[in-house]
PDB file of N, CA and C in Angstrom:
ATOM      1  N   MET A   1      24.088  87.034  14.507  1.00  0.00           N
ATOM      2  CA  MET A   1      24.186  86.071  15.528  1.00  0.00           C
ATOM      3  C   MET A   1      25.532  85.981  16.215  1.00  0.00           C
ATOM      4  N   SER A   2      26.615  86.334  15.503  1.00  0.00           N
ATOM      5  CA  SER A   2      27.848  86.382  16.239  1.00  0.00           C
ATOM      6  C   SER A   2      27.914  87.622  17.129  1.00  0.00           C
ATOM      7  N   LEU A   3      27.308  88.605  16.822  1.00  0.00           N
ATOM      8  CA  LEU A   3      27.212  89.860  17.806  1.00  0.00           C
ATOM      9  C   LEU A   3      26.637  89.435  19.095  1.00  0.00           C
ATOM     10  N   TRP A   4      25.524  88.771  19.090  1.00  0.00           N
ATOM     11  CA  TRP A   4      24.852  88.392  20.214  1.00  0.00           C
ATOM     12  C   TRP A   4      25.645  87.467  21.125  1.00  0.00           C
ATOM     13  N   PHE A   5      26.308  86.604  20.403  1.00  0.00           N
ATOM     14  CA  PHE A   5      27.323  85.539  21.076  1.00  0.00           C
ATOM     15  C   PHE A   5      28.447  86.359  21.751  1.00  0.00           C
ATOM     16  N   LEU A   6      29.017  87.374  21.120  1.00  0.00           N
ATOM     17  CA  LEU A   6      30.061  88.124  21.661  1.00  0.00           C
ATOM     18  C   LEU A   6      29.579  89.003  22.782  1.00  0.00           C
ATOM     19  N   ARG A   7      28.434  89.521  22.637  1.00  0.00           N
ATOM     20  CA  ARG A   7      27.833  90.305  23.753  1.00  0.00           C
ATOM     21  C   ARG A   7      27.547  89.495  25.007  1.00  0.00           C
ATOM     22  N   GLY A   8      27.080  88.196  24.732  1.00  0.00           N
ATOM     23  CA  GLY A   8      26.801  87.351  25.960  1.00  0.00           C
ATOM     24  C   GLY A   8      28.175  86.950  26.654  1.00  0.00           C
ATOM     25  N   LEU A   9      29.201  86.775  25.870  1.00  0.00           N
ATOM     26  CA  LEU A   9      30.443  86.465  26.430  1.00  0.00           C
ATOM     27  C   LEU A   9      30.940  87.640  27.197  1.00  0.00           C
ATOM     28  N   ARG A  10      30.886  88.859  26.729  1.00  0.00           N
ATOM     29  CA  ARG A  10      31.338  90.103  27.373  1.00  0.00           C
ATOM     30  C   ARG A  10      30.633  90.243  28.648  1.00  0.00           C
ATOM     31  N   ARG A  11      29.316  90.046  28.647  1.00  0.00           N
ATOM     32  CA  ARG A  11      28.509  90.313  29.949  1.00  0.00           C
ATOM     33  C   ARG A  11      28.541  89.143  30.827  1.00  0.00           C
ATOM     34  N   GLY A  12      28.996  88.044  30.356  1.00  0.00           N
ATOM     35  CA  GLY A  12      28.944  86.820  31.223  1.00  0.00           C
ATOM     36  C   GLY A  12      27.759  86.080  31.333  1.00  0.00           C
ATOM     37  N   VAL A  13      26.655  86.292  30.350  1.00  0.00           N
ATOM     38  CA  VAL A  13      25.410  85.643  30.234  1.00  0.00           C
ATOM     39  C   VAL A  13      25.709  84.324  29.550  1.00  0.00           C
ATOM     40  N   VAL A  14      25.352  83.252  30.205  1.00  0.00           N
ATOM     41  CA  VAL A  14      25.403  81.904  29.646  1.00  0.00           C
ATOM     42  C   VAL A  14      24.016  81.456  29.045  1.00  0.00           C
ATOM     43  N   THR A  15      23.064  81.848  29.787  1.00  0.00           N
ATOM     44  CA  THR A  15      21.757  81.490  29.367  1.00  0.00           C
ATOM     45  C   THR A  15      20.668  82.425  30.060  1.00  0.00           C
ATOM     46  N   THR A  16      19.478  82.351  29.533  1.00  0.00           N
ATOM     47  CA  THR A  16      18.418  83.324  30.267  1.00  0.00           C
ATOM     48  C   THR A  16      17.720  82.389  31.261  1.00  0.00           C
ATOM     49  N   ARG A  17      17.029  83.003  32.193  1.00  0.00           N
ATOM     50  CA  ARG A  17      16.282  82.266  33.167  1.00  0.00           C
ATOM     51  C   ARG A  17      15.214  81.701  32.564  1.00  0.00           C
ATOM     52  N   TYR A  18      14.928  80.420  32.966  1.00  0.00           N
ATOM     53  CA  TYR A  18      13.758  79.775  32.444  1.00  0.00           C
ATOM     54  C   TYR A  18      13.175  79.046  33.658  1.00  0.00           C
ATOM     55  N   PRO A  19      11.905  79.021  33.896  1.00  0.00           N
ATOM     56  CA  PRO A  19      10.944  79.667  33.085  1.00  0.00           C
ATOM     57  C   PRO A  19      10.880  81.203  33.514  1.00  0.00           C
ATOM     58  N   LYS A  20      10.501  81.968  32.641  1.00  0.00           N
ATOM     59  CA  LYS A  20      10.306  83.483  32.926  1.00  0.00           C
ATOM     60  C   LYS A  20       9.058  83.654  33.617  1.00  0.00           C
ATOM     61  N   THR A  21       9.168  84.406  34.789  1.00  0.00           N
ATOM     62  CA  THR A  21       8.007  84.606  35.664  1.00  0.00           C
ATOM     63  C   THR A  21       7.766  86.035  35.744  1.00  0.00           C
ATOM     64  N   PRO A  22       6.512  86.456  35.420  1.00  0.00           N
ATOM     65  CA  PRO A  22       5.338  85.799  34.857  1.00  0.00           C
ATOM     66  C   PRO A  22       5.627  85.601  33.336  1.00  0.00           C
ATOM     67  N   PRO A  23       4.973  84.668  32.736  1.00  0.00           N
ATOM     68  CA  PRO A  23       5.099  84.466  31.258  1.00  0.00           C
ATOM     69  C   PRO A  23       4.668  85.801  30.559  1.00  0.00           C
ATOM     70  N   ASP A  24       5.290  85.910  29.453  1.00  0.00           N
ATOM     71  CA  ASP A  24       4.886  86.982  28.570  1.00  0.00           C
ATOM     72  C   ASP A  24       3.408  87.029  28.278  1.00  0.00           C
ATOM     73  N   PRO A  25       2.921  88.268  28.247  1.00  0.00           N
ATOM     74  CA  PRO A  25       1.371  88.431  27.973  1.00  0.00           C
ATOM     75  C   PRO A  25       0.926  87.765  26.638  1.00  0.00           C
ATOM     76  N   TRP A  26       1.754  87.812  25.646  1.00  0.00           N
ATOM     77  CA  TRP A  26       1.270  87.269  24.410  1.00  0.00           C
ATOM     78  C   TRP A  26       1.051  85.779  24.385  1.00  0.00           C
ATOM     79  N   THR A  27       1.624  85.095  25.306  1.00  0.00           N
ATOM     80  CA  THR A  27       1.350  83.647  25.462  1.00  0.00           C
ATOM     81  C   THR A  27      -0.092  83.287  25.658  1.00  0.00           C
ATOM     82  N   ALA A  28      -0.935  84.170  26.185  1.00  0.00           N
ATOM     83  CA  ALA A  28      -2.298  83.981  26.406  1.00  0.00           C
ATOM     84  C   ALA A  28      -3.103  83.757  24.942  1.00  0.00           C
ATOM     85  N   THR A  29      -2.485  84.405  24.003  1.00  0.00           N
ATOM     86  CA  THR A  29      -3.250  84.268  22.666  1.00  0.00           C
ATOM     87  C   THR A  29      -2.747  83.077  21.889  1.00  0.00           C
ATOM     88  N   LEU A  30      -1.842  82.200  22.291  1.00  0.00           N
ATOM     89  CA  LEU A  30      -1.518  81.014  21.603  1.00  0.00           C
ATOM     90  C   LEU A  30      -2.544  79.896  21.636  1.00  0.00           C
ATOM     91  N   PRO A  31      -2.687  79.187  20.444  1.00  0.00           N
ATOM     92  CA  PRO A  31      -3.541  78.009  20.562  1.00  0.00           C
ATOM     93  C   PRO A  31      -2.886  76.914  21.418  1.00  0.00           C
ATOM     94  N   THR A  32      -3.754  76.313  22.169  1.00  0.00           N
ATOM     95  CA  THR A  32      -3.212  75.275  23.174  1.00  0.00           C
ATOM     96  C   THR A  32      -3.995  73.912  22.865  1.00  0.00           C
ATOM     97  N   PRO A  33      -3.386  72.764  23.075  1.00  0.00           N
ATOM     98  CA  PRO A  33      -4.089  71.572  23.090  1.00  0.00           C
ATOM     99  C   PRO A  33      -5.246  71.388  23.942  1.00  0.00           C
ATOM    100  N   PRO A  34      -6.195  70.509  23.565  1.00  0.00           N
ATOM    101  CA  PRO A  34      -7.371  70.484  24.345  1.00  0.00           C
ATOM    102  C   PRO A  34      -7.235  69.713  25.663  1.00  0.00           C
ATOM    103  N   SER A  35      -8.186  70.036  26.481  1.00  0.00           N
ATOM    104  CA  SER A  35      -8.435  69.188  27.656  1.00  0.00           C
ATOM    105  C   SER A  35      -9.792  68.573  27.685  1.00  0.00           C
ATOM    106  N   PHE A  36     -10.039  67.474  28.159  1.00  0.00           N
ATOM    107  CA  PHE A  36     -11.445  66.875  27.906  1.00  0.00           C
ATOM    108  C   PHE A  36     -12.246  66.790  29.193  1.00  0.00           C
ATOM    109  N   VAL A  37     -13.513  67.103  29.156  1.00  0.00           N
ATOM    110  CA  VAL A  37     -14.384  67.029  30.275  1.00  0.00           C
ATOM    111  C   VAL A  37     -15.124  65.620  30.182  1.00  0.00           C
ATOM    112  N   THR A  38     -14.708  64.689  31.077  1.00  0.00           N
ATOM    113  CA  THR A  38     -15.114  63.334  30.889  1.00  0.00           C
ATOM    114  C   THR A  38     -16.729  63.246  31.035  1.00  0.00           C
ATOM    115  N   ASP A  39     -17.331  63.970  31.991  1.00  0.00           N
ATOM    116  CA  ASP A  39     -18.777  63.681  32.142  1.00  0.00           C
ATOM    117  C   ASP A  39     -19.601  64.234  30.928  1.00  0.00           C
ATOM    118  N   ARG A  40     -19.003  64.980  30.061  1.00  0.00           N
ATOM    119  CA  ARG A  40     -19.679  65.458  28.805  1.00  0.00           C
ATOM    120  C   ARG A  40     -19.227  64.734  27.645  1.00  0.00           C
ATOM    121  N   LEU A  41     -18.295  63.765  27.770  1.00  0.00           N
ATOM    122  CA  LEU A  41     -17.777  63.033  26.746  1.00  0.00           C
ATOM    123  C   LEU A  41     -18.564  61.676  26.561  1.00  0.00           C
ATOM    124  N   ASP A  42     -19.317  61.413  25.443  1.00  0.00           N
ATOM    125  CA  ASP A  42     -19.894  60.172  25.175  1.00  0.00           C
ATOM    126  C   ASP A  42     -19.301  59.566  23.885  1.00  0.00           C
ATOM    127  N   ILE A  43     -19.692  58.383  23.734  1.00  0.00           N
ATOM    128  CA  ILE A  43     -19.036  57.556  22.561  1.00  0.00           C
ATOM    129  C   ILE A  43     -19.349  58.364  21.233  1.00  0.00           C
ATOM    130  N   ALA A  44     -20.585  58.950  20.881  1.00  0.00           N
ATOM    131  CA  ALA A  44     -20.711  59.593  19.656  1.00  0.00           C
ATOM    132  C   ALA A  44     -19.841  60.855  19.449  1.00  0.00           C
ATOM    133  N   THR A  45     -19.701  61.537  20.589  1.00  0.00           N
ATOM    134  CA  THR A  45     -18.741  62.686  20.577  1.00  0.00           C
ATOM    135  C   THR A  45     -17.339  62.182  20.306  1.00  0.00           C
ATOM    136  N   ALA A  46     -16.972  61.164  21.087  1.00  0.00           N
ATOM    137  CA  ALA A  46     -15.585  60.678  20.944  1.00  0.00           C
ATOM    138  C   ALA A  46     -15.291  60.195  19.547  1.00  0.00           C
ATOM    139  N   ASP A  47     -16.212  59.520  18.874  1.00  0.00           N
ATOM    140  CA  ASP A  47     -16.107  59.134  17.450  1.00  0.00           C
ATOM    141  C   ASP A  47     -15.991  60.355  16.563  1.00  0.00           C
ATOM    142  N   ALA A  48     -16.865  61.366  16.815  1.00  0.00           N
ATOM    143  CA  ALA A  48     -16.725  62.732  16.093  1.00  0.00           C
ATOM    144  C   ALA A  48     -15.349  63.233  16.328  1.00  0.00           C
ATOM    145  N   LEU A  49     -14.789  63.290  17.433  1.00  0.00           N
ATOM    146  CA  LEU A  49     -13.521  63.845  17.651  1.00  0.00           C
ATOM    147  C   LEU A  49     -12.453  63.107  16.824  1.00  0.00           C
ATOM    148  N   VAL A  50     -12.440  61.857  16.804  1.00  0.00           N
ATOM    149  CA  VAL A  50     -11.518  60.940  16.186  1.00  0.00           C
ATOM    150  C   VAL A  50     -11.496  61.289  14.711  1.00  0.00           C
ATOM    151  N   ALA A  51     -12.774  61.503  14.156  1.00  0.00           N
ATOM    152  CA  ALA A  51     -12.961  61.647  12.653  1.00  0.00           C
ATOM    153  C   ALA A  51     -12.448  63.042  12.321  1.00  0.00           C
ATOM    154  N   VAL A  52     -12.549  63.992  13.218  1.00  0.00           N
ATOM    155  CA  VAL A  52     -12.124  65.294  12.746  1.00  0.00           C
ATOM    156  C   VAL A  52     -10.771  65.778  13.030  1.00  0.00           C
ATOM    157  N   CYS A  53      -9.906  64.854  13.676  1.00  0.00           N
ATOM    158  CA  CYS A  53      -8.560  65.144  14.093  1.00  0.00           C
ATOM    159  C   CYS A  53      -7.625  64.889  12.831  1.00  0.00           C
ATOM    160  N   PRO A  54      -7.057  65.975  12.307  1.00  0.00           N
ATOM    161  CA  PRO A  54      -6.043  65.802  11.062  1.00  0.00           C
ATOM    162  C   PRO A  54      -4.850  64.984  11.388  1.00  0.00           C
ATOM    163  N   PRO A  55      -4.101  65.198  12.508  1.00  0.00           N
ATOM    164  CA  PRO A  55      -2.957  64.438  12.800  1.00  0.00           C
ATOM    165  C   PRO A  55      -3.111  63.091  13.413  1.00  0.00           C
ATOM    166  N   ALA A  56      -4.454  62.738  13.587  1.00  0.00           N
ATOM    167  CA  ALA A  56      -4.686  61.330  14.206  1.00  0.00           C
ATOM    168  C   ALA A  56      -4.196  61.346  15.601  1.00  0.00           C
ATOM    169  N   ALA A  57      -4.232  62.377  16.292  1.00  0.00           N
ATOM    170  CA  ALA A  57      -3.799  62.433  17.708  1.00  0.00           C
ATOM    171  C   ALA A  57      -4.938  61.789  18.629  1.00  0.00           C
ATOM    172  N   LEU A  58      -5.990  61.588  18.106  1.00  0.00           N
ATOM    173  CA  LEU A  58      -7.148  60.935  18.989  1.00  0.00           C
ATOM    174  C   LEU A  58      -7.607  59.624  18.422  1.00  0.00           C
ATOM    175  N   ARG A  59      -7.767  58.666  19.299  1.00  0.00           N
ATOM    176  CA  ARG A  59      -8.457  57.344  18.829  1.00  0.00           C
ATOM    177  C   ARG A  59      -9.198  56.879  20.157  1.00  0.00           C
ATOM    178  N   ARG A  60     -10.316  56.100  19.713  1.00  0.00           N
ATOM    179  CA  ARG A  60     -11.021  55.539  20.658  1.00  0.00           C
ATOM    180  C   ARG A  60     -10.742  53.985  20.891  1.00  0.00           C
ATOM    181  N   GLU A  61     -10.467  53.683  22.047  1.00  0.00           N
ATOM    182  CA  GLU A  61     -10.285  52.152  22.518  1.00  0.00           C
ATOM    183  C   GLU A  61     -11.282  51.810  23.587  1.00  0.00           C
ATOM    184  N   GLY A  62     -12.422  51.204  23.146  1.00  0.00           N
ATOM    185  CA  GLY A  62     -13.454  50.833  24.120  1.00  0.00           C
ATOM    186  C   GLY A  62     -14.098  52.083  24.602  1.00  0.00           C
ATOM    187  N   LEU A  63     -14.068  52.218  25.926  1.00  0.00           N
ATOM    188  CA  LEU A  63     -14.751  53.409  26.664  1.00  0.00           C
ATOM    189  C   LEU A  63     -13.541  54.414  27.162  1.00  0.00           C
ATOM    190  N   GLU A  64     -12.529  54.442  26.252  1.00  0.00           N
ATOM    191  CA  GLU A  64     -11.471  55.381  26.557  1.00  0.00           C
ATOM    192  C   GLU A  64     -11.177  56.166  25.269  1.00  0.00           C
ATOM    193  N   LEU A  65     -11.025  57.359  25.522  1.00  0.00           N
ATOM    194  CA  LEU A  65     -10.388  58.277  24.267  1.00  0.00           C
ATOM    195  C   LEU A  65      -8.902  58.412  24.606  1.00  0.00           C
ATOM    196  N   VAL A  66      -8.011  57.819  23.626  1.00  0.00           N
ATOM    197  CA  VAL A  66      -6.689  58.022  23.794  1.00  0.00           C
ATOM    198  C   VAL A  66      -6.168  59.170  23.126  1.00  0.00           C
ATOM    199  N   TYR A  67      -5.471  60.106  23.847  1.00  0.00           N
ATOM    200  CA  TYR A  67      -5.045  61.338  23.149  1.00  0.00           C
ATOM    201  C   TYR A  67      -3.605  61.536  23.258  1.00  0.00           C
ATOM    202  N   ASP A  68      -2.946  61.624  22.137  1.00  0.00           N
ATOM    203  CA  ASP A  68      -1.604  61.806  21.985  1.00  0.00           C
ATOM    204  C   ASP A  68      -1.267  63.214  21.887  1.00  0.00           C
ATOM    205  N   VAL A  69      -0.827  63.876  23.118  1.00  0.00           N
ATOM    206  CA  VAL A  69      -0.486  65.297  23.069  1.00  0.00           C
ATOM    207  C   VAL A  69       0.685  65.627  22.095  1.00  0.00           C
ATOM    208  N   GLY A  70       1.594  64.688  22.108  1.00  0.00           N
ATOM    209  CA  GLY A  70       2.819  64.922  21.167  1.00  0.00           C
ATOM    210  C   GLY A  70       2.338  65.132  19.601  1.00  0.00           C
ATOM    211  N   ALA A  71       1.287  64.409  19.181  1.00  0.00           N
ATOM    212  CA  ALA A  71       0.898  64.448  17.870  1.00  0.00           C
ATOM    213  C   ALA A  71      -0.056  65.612  17.617  1.00  0.00           C
ATOM    214  N   CYS A  72      -0.698  66.138  18.672  1.00  0.00           N
ATOM    215  CA  CYS A  72      -1.596  67.325  18.500  1.00  0.00           C
ATOM    216  C   CYS A  72      -1.023  68.423  18.011  1.00  0.00           C
ATOM    217  N   THR A  73      -1.673  69.120  16.931  1.00  0.00           N
ATOM    218  CA  THR A  73      -1.253  70.434  16.428  1.00  0.00           C
ATOM    219  C   THR A  73      -1.975  71.684  17.028  1.00  0.00           C
ATOM    220  N   ALA A  74      -2.844  71.330  17.888  1.00  0.00           N
ATOM    221  CA  ALA A  74      -3.722  72.477  18.489  1.00  0.00           C
ATOM    222  C   ALA A  74      -4.438  73.245  17.498  1.00  0.00           C
ATOM    223  N   CYS A  75      -4.955  72.559  16.370  1.00  0.00           N
ATOM    224  CA  CYS A  75      -5.786  73.028  15.379  1.00  0.00           C
ATOM    225  C   CYS A  75      -7.076  73.700  15.821  1.00  0.00           C
ATOM    226  N   GLY A  76      -7.633  73.020  16.804  1.00  0.00           N
ATOM    227  CA  GLY A  76      -8.964  73.459  17.408  1.00  0.00           C
ATOM    228  C   GLY A  76     -10.087  72.894  16.774  1.00  0.00           C
ATOM    229  N   ARG A  77      -9.993  72.036  15.846  1.00  0.00           N
ATOM    230  CA  ARG A  77     -11.158  71.411  15.215  1.00  0.00           C
ATOM    231  C   ARG A  77     -12.037  70.561  16.245  1.00  0.00           C
ATOM    232  N   CYS A  78     -11.294  69.978  17.187  1.00  0.00           N
ATOM    233  CA  CYS A  78     -12.036  69.165  18.263  1.00  0.00           C
ATOM    234  C   CYS A  78     -12.847  70.189  19.156  1.00  0.00           C
ATOM    235  N   LEU A  79     -12.379  71.289  19.384  1.00  0.00           N
ATOM    236  CA  LEU A  79     -13.233  72.214  20.217  1.00  0.00           C
ATOM    237  C   LEU A  79     -14.527  72.572  19.546  1.00  0.00           C
ATOM    238  N   VAL A  80     -14.528  72.647  18.196  1.00  0.00           N
ATOM    239  CA  VAL A  80     -15.691  72.980  17.353  1.00  0.00           C
ATOM    240  C   VAL A  80     -16.772  71.909  17.444  1.00  0.00           C
ATOM    241  N   VAL A  81     -16.326  70.651  17.376  1.00  0.00           N
ATOM    242  CA  VAL A  81     -17.377  69.554  17.267  1.00  0.00           C
ATOM    243  C   VAL A  81     -17.604  69.005  18.614  1.00  0.00           C
ATOM    244  N   ALA A  82     -16.892  69.279  19.691  1.00  0.00           N
ATOM    245  CA  ALA A  82     -17.006  68.525  20.893  1.00  0.00           C
ATOM    246  C   ALA A  82     -18.160  68.975  21.703  1.00  0.00           C
ATOM    247  N   ASP A  83     -18.816  70.097  21.478  1.00  0.00           N
ATOM    248  CA  ASP A  83     -20.020  70.525  22.255  1.00  0.00           C
ATOM    249  C   ASP A  83     -19.686  70.561  23.729  1.00  0.00           C
ATOM    250  N   GLY A  84     -18.565  71.164  24.107  1.00  0.00           N
ATOM    251  CA  GLY A  84     -18.199  71.422  25.480  1.00  0.00           C
ATOM    252  C   GLY A  84     -17.426  70.251  26.060  1.00  0.00           C
ATOM    253  N   ALA A  85     -17.298  69.174  25.417  1.00  0.00           N
ATOM    254  CA  ALA A  85     -16.455  68.009  25.946  1.00  0.00           C
ATOM    255  C   ALA A  85     -15.024  68.319  25.759  1.00  0.00           C
ATOM    256  N   ALA A  86     -14.539  69.217  24.948  1.00  0.00           N
ATOM    257  CA  ALA A  86     -13.247  69.598  24.759  1.00  0.00           C
ATOM    258  C   ALA A  86     -13.108  71.087  25.053  1.00  0.00           C
ATOM    259  N   VAL A  87     -12.123  71.453  25.814  1.00  0.00           N
ATOM    260  CA  VAL A  87     -11.824  72.890  26.153  1.00  0.00           C
ATOM    261  C   VAL A  87     -10.386  73.146  25.974  1.00  0.00           C
ATOM    262  N   PRO A  88      -9.988  74.451  25.742  1.00  0.00           N
ATOM    263  CA  PRO A  88      -8.523  74.684  25.625  1.00  0.00           C
ATOM    264  C   PRO A  88      -7.883  74.410  26.933  1.00  0.00           C
ATOM    265  N   SER A  89      -6.758  73.821  26.851  1.00  0.00           N
ATOM    266  CA  SER A  89      -5.984  73.510  28.245  1.00  0.00           C
ATOM    267  C   SER A  89      -5.285  74.628  28.767  1.00  0.00           C
ATOM    268  N   GLY A  90      -4.798  75.608  27.911  1.00  0.00           N
ATOM    269  CA  GLY A  90      -4.088  76.851  28.394  1.00  0.00           C
ATOM    270  C   GLY A  90      -2.638  76.446  28.601  1.00  0.00           C
ATOM    271  N   GLN A  91      -2.309  75.185  28.365  1.00  0.00           N
ATOM    272  CA  GLN A  91      -0.908  74.638  28.631  1.00  0.00           C
ATOM    273  C   GLN A  91      -0.065  74.904  27.357  1.00  0.00           C
ATOM    274  N   ILE A  92       1.029  75.732  27.438  1.00  0.00           N
ATOM    275  CA  ILE A  92       1.881  75.900  26.312  1.00  0.00           C
ATOM    276  C   ILE A  92       3.182  75.136  26.505  1.00  0.00           C
ATOM    277  N   GLU A  93       3.495  74.710  27.653  1.00  0.00           N
ATOM    278  CA  GLU A  93       4.749  74.054  27.991  1.00  0.00           C
ATOM    279  C   GLU A  93       4.490  72.549  28.276  1.00  0.00           C
ATOM    280  N   LEU A  94       4.809  71.815  27.376  1.00  0.00           N
ATOM    281  CA  LEU A  94       4.350  70.318  27.440  1.00  0.00           C
ATOM    282  C   LEU A  94       5.617  69.393  27.409  1.00  0.00           C
ATOM    283  N   ALA A  95       6.725  69.813  27.875  1.00  0.00           N
ATOM    284  CA  ALA A  95       7.951  69.110  27.721  1.00  0.00           C
ATOM    285  C   ALA A  95       7.805  67.984  28.730  1.00  0.00           C
ATOM    286  N   THR A  96       8.430  66.849  28.390  1.00  0.00           N
ATOM    287  CA  THR A  96       8.636  65.676  29.238  1.00  0.00           C
ATOM    288  C   THR A  96       9.829  64.887  28.813  1.00  0.00           C
ATOM    289  N   GLN A  97      10.391  64.140  29.616  1.00  0.00           N
ATOM    290  CA  GLN A  97      11.439  63.215  29.206  1.00  0.00           C
ATOM    291  C   GLN A  97      11.228  61.914  28.645  1.00  0.00           C
ATOM    292  N   ARG A  98       9.979  61.504  28.748  1.00  0.00           N
ATOM    293  CA  ARG A  98       9.504  60.252  28.179  1.00  0.00           C
ATOM    294  C   ARG A  98       8.414  60.409  27.234  1.00  0.00           C
ATOM    295  N   ARG A  99       8.485  59.867  26.028  1.00  0.00           N
ATOM    296  CA  ARG A  99       7.484  59.911  24.991  1.00  0.00           C
ATOM    297  C   ARG A  99       6.141  59.485  25.479  1.00  0.00           C
ATOM    298  N   GLU A 100       6.076  58.403  26.258  1.00  0.00           N
ATOM    299  CA  GLU A 100       4.751  57.831  26.627  1.00  0.00           C
ATOM    300  C   GLU A 100       3.974  58.656  27.705  1.00  0.00           C
ATOM    301  N   ASP A 101       4.766  59.701  28.225  1.00  0.00           N
ATOM    302  CA  ASP A 101       3.896  60.627  29.300  1.00  0.00           C
ATOM    303  C   ASP A 101       3.057  61.675  28.433  1.00  0.00           C
ATOM    304  N   LEU A 102       3.170  61.712  27.082  1.00  0.00           N
ATOM    305  CA  LEU A 102       2.403  62.541  26.197  1.00  0.00           C
ATOM    306  C   LEU A 102       1.160  61.845  25.859  1.00  0.00           C
ATOM    307  N   VAL A 103       0.939  60.548  26.108  1.00  0.00           N
ATOM    308  CA  VAL A 103      -0.218  59.813  25.697  1.00  0.00           C
ATOM    309  C   VAL A 103      -1.127  59.833  26.857  1.00  0.00           C
ATOM    310  N   LYS A 104      -2.310  60.356  26.737  1.00  0.00           N
ATOM    311  CA  LYS A 104      -3.319  60.349  27.825  1.00  0.00           C
ATOM    312  C   LYS A 104      -4.468  59.486  27.549  1.00  0.00           C
ATOM    313  N   ARG A 105      -5.147  58.910  28.583  1.00  0.00           N
ATOM    314  CA  ARG A 105      -6.214  58.061  28.467  1.00  0.00           C
ATOM    315  C   ARG A 105      -7.354  58.844  29.168  1.00  0.00           C
ATOM    316  N   VAL A 106      -8.407  59.091  28.300  1.00  0.00           N
ATOM    317  CA  VAL A 106      -9.541  59.885  28.983  1.00  0.00           C
ATOM    318  C   VAL A 106     -10.694  58.937  28.997  1.00  0.00           C
ATOM    319  N   ALA A 107     -11.331  58.704  30.200  1.00  0.00           N
ATOM    320  CA  ALA A 107     -12.574  57.903  30.432  1.00  0.00           C
ATOM    321  C   ALA A 107     -13.733  58.550  29.554  1.00  0.00           C
ATOM    322  N   ILE A 108     -14.492  57.806  29.001  1.00  0.00           N
ATOM    323  CA  ILE A 108     -15.833  58.216  28.378  1.00  0.00           C
ATOM    324  C   ILE A 108     -16.944  57.931  29.337  1.00  0.00           C
ATOM    325  N   GLU A 109     -17.364  58.901  30.020  1.00  0.00           N
ATOM    326  CA  GLU A 109     -18.306  58.757  31.092  1.00  0.00           C
ATOM    327  C   GLU A 109     -19.733  59.148  30.696  1.00  0.00           C
ATOM    328  N   GLY A 110     -19.846  60.277  29.993  1.00  0.00           N
ATOM    329  CA  GLY A 110     -21.173  60.875  29.566  1.00  0.00           C
ATOM    330  C   GLY A 110     -21.891  59.992  28.699  1.00  0.00           C
ATOM    331  N   GLY A 111     -23.158  59.726  28.987  1.00  0.00           N
ATOM    332  CA  GLY A 111     -24.056  58.901  28.061  1.00  0.00           C
ATOM    333  C   GLY A 111     -23.726  57.501  28.006  1.00  0.00           C
ATOM    334  N   VAL A 112     -22.926  56.874  28.831  1.00  0.00           N
ATOM    335  CA  VAL A 112     -22.611  55.458  28.945  1.00  0.00           C
ATOM    336  C   VAL A 112     -23.687  54.768  29.690  1.00  0.00           C
ATOM    337  N   GLN A 113     -24.409  53.754  29.245  1.00  0.00           N
ATOM    338  CA  GLN A 113     -25.473  53.039  29.884  1.00  0.00           C
ATOM    339  C   GLN A 113     -24.820  52.124  30.938  1.00  0.00           C
TER     340      GLN A 113
END
């Protein structure tokens, strides 16, 4: 590590450019948190999603699915049981300055009378 530090000092590199454009190709293979399709999301599917989520990143409050992106581990179990209501988001950079910005409320629209 000290060799890299000295090399950076010698070359005058303080930090690397971020974000790197374009992103590295291998990032396309990373698992990503889900995104939800509201018109395919019904109460039964929402309850199944809540039941299968190991870190409890999902909970249902009335006609909303509350999704805590910060607690999600991108395990993909919700993608299996959701029947098209959950899809990979493709987002690998989820940084925010406020914790509450990581909590999303998704309306349950499909199959509601």
